[in-house]
Amino acid sequence: MGSIPFGLIIGKFGYGVDVRKYGSKNIGAANVLRTVGILPGILTFVGDFMKGGASVFLARYLEAGDLIIILAGLAAIVGHSWPVFLKFKGGKGVSTTTGVILVMMPGAFLVLFVVYALICAVFRYTSLSAIISALVFPIVVFFLKMPSLYLWFALAASVIVIWRHQQNIQRLIAGTERKLGQRVRTGREEEKREKLEGVFGATPHSPKKKTEAKGQRGNEP
């Protein structure tokens, strides 16, 4: 279930945009939001969120023990992050992990939601909000005095989310990370530009045309 790539399905089959080619080239909700639009971004979040929540809910419905419930949630996160259908190139696990936490431990979810919202409101970086929330997650579980299995799950989930944000961490350090609401060229705009270039040739403002012009200036005596 975790390997179902909702971002790719919604972007490619719903809007004709392969999100793996644009923005961060990630299939997660944040990249779909930036490169395809608000509605597909929301739909992707809901789909990825439900993958995590449904996995834990189903395990509980079947009256499985804590270990099976935790493994079901962890499998959804791992499947989303490294989907078998996409050669193990998936999302960053935030939406799916959020769904898992909501169903598995609602108290921790509420605390993490507040942390995420505050960091996002102050710094305007969704990636930073996710990273800090992941760091705080095991601490929250510890203070809620939940069974040790849930603490181990929190540690594992946090490691996965932070690991999947390696490039974001590098961009945050370099000061090149995009902030919330910062517009980028959408996948649909790129698709239109590529089609126009195929018919009329490169436009004066296209990257290809700029590169050619720069090369010509460099060859001038």
Protein backbone atom coordinates (compact mmCIF):
# COMPACT_ATOMS: atom_id res chain seq x y z
CA MET A 1 0.00 0.00 0.00
CA GLY A 2 2.80 2.41 0.87
CA SER A 3 4.32 2.10 -2.60
CA ILE A 4 1.27 3.54 -4.40
CA PRO A 5 2.69 6.77 -5.95
CA PHE A 6 -0.28 9.11 -5.66
CA GLY A 7 1.79 12.15 -6.62
CA LEU A 8 2.89 10.59 -9.88
CA ILE A 9 -0.56 9.17 -10.67
CA ILE A 10 -2.38 12.46 -10.00
CA GLY A 11 0.21 14.59 -11.79
CA LYS A 12 0.75 12.41 -14.84
CA PHE A 13 -2.69 10.95 -15.48
CA GLY A 14 -4.79 13.78 -14.06
CA TYR A 15 -2.81 16.76 -15.37
CA GLY A 16 -0.36 15.36 -17.91
CA VAL A 17 2.69 16.32 -15.82
CA ASP A 18 5.40 13.93 -14.67
CA VAL A 19 6.46 15.55 -11.38
CA ARG A 20 9.71 13.58 -11.43
CA LYS A 21 10.96 16.00 -14.11
CA TYR A 22 10.25 19.30 -12.35
CA GLY A 23 10.96 21.18 -9.14
CA SER A 24 12.63 18.90 -6.61
CA LYS A 25 11.71 15.93 -8.86
CA ASN A 26 9.99 14.35 -5.87
CA ILE A 27 6.61 12.60 -5.98
CA GLY A 28 5.50 14.03 -2.64
CA ALA A 29 2.70 16.51 -2.00
CA ALA A 30 4.98 19.56 -1.63
CA ASN A 31 6.52 19.15 -5.08
CA VAL A 32 3.14 18.37 -6.66
CA LEU A 33 1.76 21.55 -5.06
CA ARG A 34 4.59 23.66 -6.49
CA THR A 35 4.77 22.13 -9.95
CA VAL A 36 1.19 21.12 -10.76
CA GLY A 37 -1.13 23.14 -8.54
CA ILE A 38 -3.01 23.49 -5.27
CA LEU A 39 -5.76 20.92 -5.88
CA PRO A 40 -3.44 18.13 -7.09
CA GLY A 41 -1.11 18.95 -4.18
CA ILE A 42 -3.96 18.54 -1.70
CA LEU A 43 -5.13 15.32 -3.36
CA THR A 44 -1.60 13.93 -3.20
CA PHE A 45 -1.32 14.79 0.48
CA VAL A 46 -4.65 13.11 1.23
CA GLY A 47 -3.66 9.99 -0.71
CA ASP A 48 -0.25 9.69 0.96
CA PHE A 49 -1.77 10.50 4.36
CA MET A 50 -4.41 7.80 3.93
CA LYS A 51 -1.79 5.21 3.02
CA GLY A 52 -0.24 5.57 6.44
CA GLY A 53 -3.46 5.92 8.38
CA ALA A 54 -5.19 3.02 6.61
CA SER A 55 -2.25 0.67 7.22
CA VAL A 56 -2.40 1.21 10.98
CA PHE A 57 -6.20 1.26 11.08
CA LEU A 58 -6.40 -2.07 9.25
CA ALA A 59 -3.89 -3.67 11.62
CA ARG A 60 -5.90 -2.46 14.62
CA TYR A 61 -9.18 -3.54 13.04
CA LEU A 62 -7.75 -7.05 12.76
CA GLU A 63 -6.88 -6.81 16.47
CA ALA A 64 -3.17 -7.23 15.84
CA GLY A 65 -0.65 -6.69 18.62
CA ASP A 66 1.46 -3.58 19.07
CA LEU A 67 4.39 -5.02 17.12
CA ILE A 68 2.26 -5.78 14.04
CA ILE A 69 0.60 -2.36 14.22
CA ILE A 70 4.00 -0.66 14.35
CA LEU A 71 5.39 -2.79 11.53
CA ALA A 72 2.33 -1.96 9.40
CA GLY A 73 2.91 1.76 9.92
CA LEU A 74 6.63 1.46 9.29
CA ALA A 75 6.02 -0.56 6.13
CA ALA A 76 3.78 2.21 4.78
CA ILE A 77 6.47 4.84 5.42
CA VAL A 78 9.24 2.72 3.89
CA GLY A 79 7.04 1.82 0.91
CA HIS A 80 6.30 5.49 0.25
CA SER A 81 9.93 6.53 0.58
CA TRP A 82 11.30 3.67 -1.53
CA PRO A 83 8.39 2.44 -3.72
CA VAL A 84 8.91 -0.83 -5.56
CA PHE A 85 6.92 0.52 -8.54
CA LEU A 86 9.35 3.42 -9.14
CA LYS A 87 12.70 1.68 -8.70
CA PHE A 88 12.77 2.71 -5.04
CA LYS A 89 12.70 6.46 -5.82
CA GLY A 90 9.86 7.89 -3.77
CA GLY A 91 8.77 10.70 -1.51
CA LYS A 92 10.13 12.01 1.77
CA GLY A 93 7.65 10.25 4.01
CA VAL A 94 6.12 13.26 5.73
CA SER A 95 2.48 12.87 4.67
CA THR A 96 2.47 9.09 5.14
CA THR A 97 4.18 9.35 8.54
CA THR A 98 1.62 11.96 9.57
CA GLY A 99 -1.21 9.56 8.75
CA VAL A 100 0.46 6.78 10.71
CA ILE A 101 0.99 8.98 13.78
CA LEU A 102 -2.59 10.30 13.78
CA VAL A 103 -4.10 6.81 13.94
CA MET A 104 -1.38 5.23 16.08
CA MET A 105 -0.90 7.98 18.70
CA PRO A 106 -3.28 10.95 18.40
CA GLY A 107 -1.72 12.72 21.40
CA ALA A 108 1.70 12.84 19.76
CA PHE A 109 0.06 13.98 16.52
CA LEU A 110 -1.45 17.04 18.21
CA VAL A 111 1.89 18.09 19.72
CA LEU A 112 3.76 17.59 16.44
CA PHE A 113 1.08 19.47 14.51
CA VAL A 114 1.59 22.51 16.77
CA VAL A 115 5.39 22.25 16.40
CA TYR A 116 5.14 21.96 12.61
CA ALA A 117 2.70 24.87 12.33
CA LEU A 118 4.80 27.16 14.55
CA ILE A 119 8.06 26.48 12.70
CA CYS A 120 6.33 26.90 9.35
CA ALA A 121 4.69 30.17 10.43
CA VAL A 122 7.96 31.63 11.73
CA PHE A 123 10.48 30.44 9.13
CA ARG A 124 8.23 29.63 6.12
CA TYR A 125 10.16 26.45 5.28
CA THR A 126 8.05 23.29 5.06
CA SER A 127 11.19 21.16 4.94
CA LEU A 128 12.58 22.72 8.14
CA SER A 129 9.21 22.19 9.83
CA ALA A 130 9.27 18.51 8.87
CA ILE A 131 12.87 18.02 10.01
CA ILE A 132 12.34 19.66 13.41
CA SER A 133 9.07 17.77 13.91
CA ALA A 134 10.92 14.53 13.16
CA LEU A 135 13.59 15.42 15.72
CA VAL A 136 10.94 16.22 18.33
CA PHE A 137 8.84 13.09 17.65
CA PRO A 138 10.83 10.60 19.79
CA ILE A 139 11.02 13.14 22.63
CA VAL A 140 7.23 13.57 22.58
CA VAL A 141 6.68 9.80 22.64
CA PHE A 142 9.12 9.47 25.56
CA PHE A 143 7.32 12.10 27.65
CA LEU A 144 3.94 10.57 26.83
CA LYS A 145 5.31 7.41 28.51
CA MET A 146 4.22 5.13 25.70
CA PRO A 147 5.48 1.52 25.48
CA SER A 148 9.11 1.15 24.35
CA LEU A 149 8.05 -0.33 20.99
CA TYR A 150 6.44 2.98 20.08
CA LEU A 151 9.58 4.87 21.05
CA TRP A 152 11.63 2.64 18.74
CA PHE A 153 9.10 3.29 15.99
CA ALA A 154 9.38 7.05 16.56
CA LEU A 155 13.17 6.84 16.30
CA ALA A 156 12.98 4.79 13.08
CA ALA A 157 10.39 7.07 11.47
CA SER A 158 12.41 10.16 12.42
CA VAL A 159 15.59 8.74 10.89
CA ILE A 160 13.75 7.95 7.63
CA VAL A 161 12.18 11.41 7.33
CA ILE A 162 15.43 13.23 8.11
CA TRP A 163 17.42 10.96 5.78
CA ARG A 164 14.98 11.67 2.96
CA HIS A 165 15.50 15.41 3.53
CA GLN A 166 19.26 15.37 2.94
CA GLN A 167 19.07 17.62 -0.12
CA ASN A 168 16.74 20.00 1.70
CA ILE A 169 19.22 20.26 4.56
CA GLN A 170 21.98 21.11 2.08
CA ARG A 171 19.80 23.80 0.49
CA LEU A 172 18.83 25.21 3.89
CA ILE A 173 22.51 25.54 4.80
CA ALA A 174 23.28 27.11 1.41
CA GLY A 175 20.29 29.47 1.70
CA THR A 176 18.72 28.21 -1.54
CA GLU A 177 15.75 26.30 -0.10
CA ARG A 178 12.36 27.49 -1.38
CA LYS A 179 10.01 29.00 1.17
CA LEU A 180 6.33 28.25 1.55
CA GLY A 181 4.37 29.98 -1.19
CA GLN A 182 7.43 30.70 -3.29
CA ARG A 183 6.41 30.13 -6.89
CA VAL A 184 8.40 27.98 -9.29
CA ARG A 185 7.82 27.22 -12.95
CA THR A 186 5.10 24.58 -12.95
CA GLY A 187 5.25 21.31 -14.80
CA ARG A 188 2.44 22.43 -17.08
CA GLU A 189 4.33 25.60 -17.98
CA GLU A 190 7.45 23.58 -18.74
CA GLU A 191 5.44 21.15 -20.87
CA LYS A 192 3.93 24.05 -22.86
CA ARG A 193 7.34 25.70 -23.32
CA GLU A 194 8.88 22.45 -24.57
CA LYS A 195 6.00 21.94 -27.03
CA LEU A 196 6.33 25.51 -28.33
CA GLU A 197 10.07 25.10 -28.78
CA GLY A 198 9.41 21.90 -30.69
CA VAL A 199 7.14 23.78 -33.10
CA PHE A 200 8.74 27.24 -33.32
CA GLY A 201 12.25 26.66 -31.99
CA ALA A 202 13.73 28.06 -28.78
CA THR A 203 12.20 31.34 -27.62
CA PRO A 204 14.41 34.37 -26.83
CA HIS A 205 13.91 33.83 -23.09
CA SER A 206 14.30 30.05 -23.01
CA PRO A 207 17.30 28.49 -21.23
CA LYS A 208 18.43 26.91 -24.50
CA LYS A 209 18.34 30.23 -26.37
CA LYS A 210 20.15 32.03 -23.56
CA THR A 211 22.89 29.41 -23.54
CA GLU A 212 23.35 29.70 -27.30
CA ALA A 213 23.44 33.51 -27.12
CA LYS A 214 25.99 33.41 -24.33
CA GLY A 215 28.15 31.03 -26.34
CA GLN A 216 28.00 33.31 -29.37
CA ARG A 217 29.06 36.32 -27.29
CA GLY A 218 31.94 34.30 -25.90
CA ASN A 219 33.17 33.55 -29.42
CA GLU A 220 33.13 37.18 -30.50
CA PRO A 221 36.60 38.79 -30.97
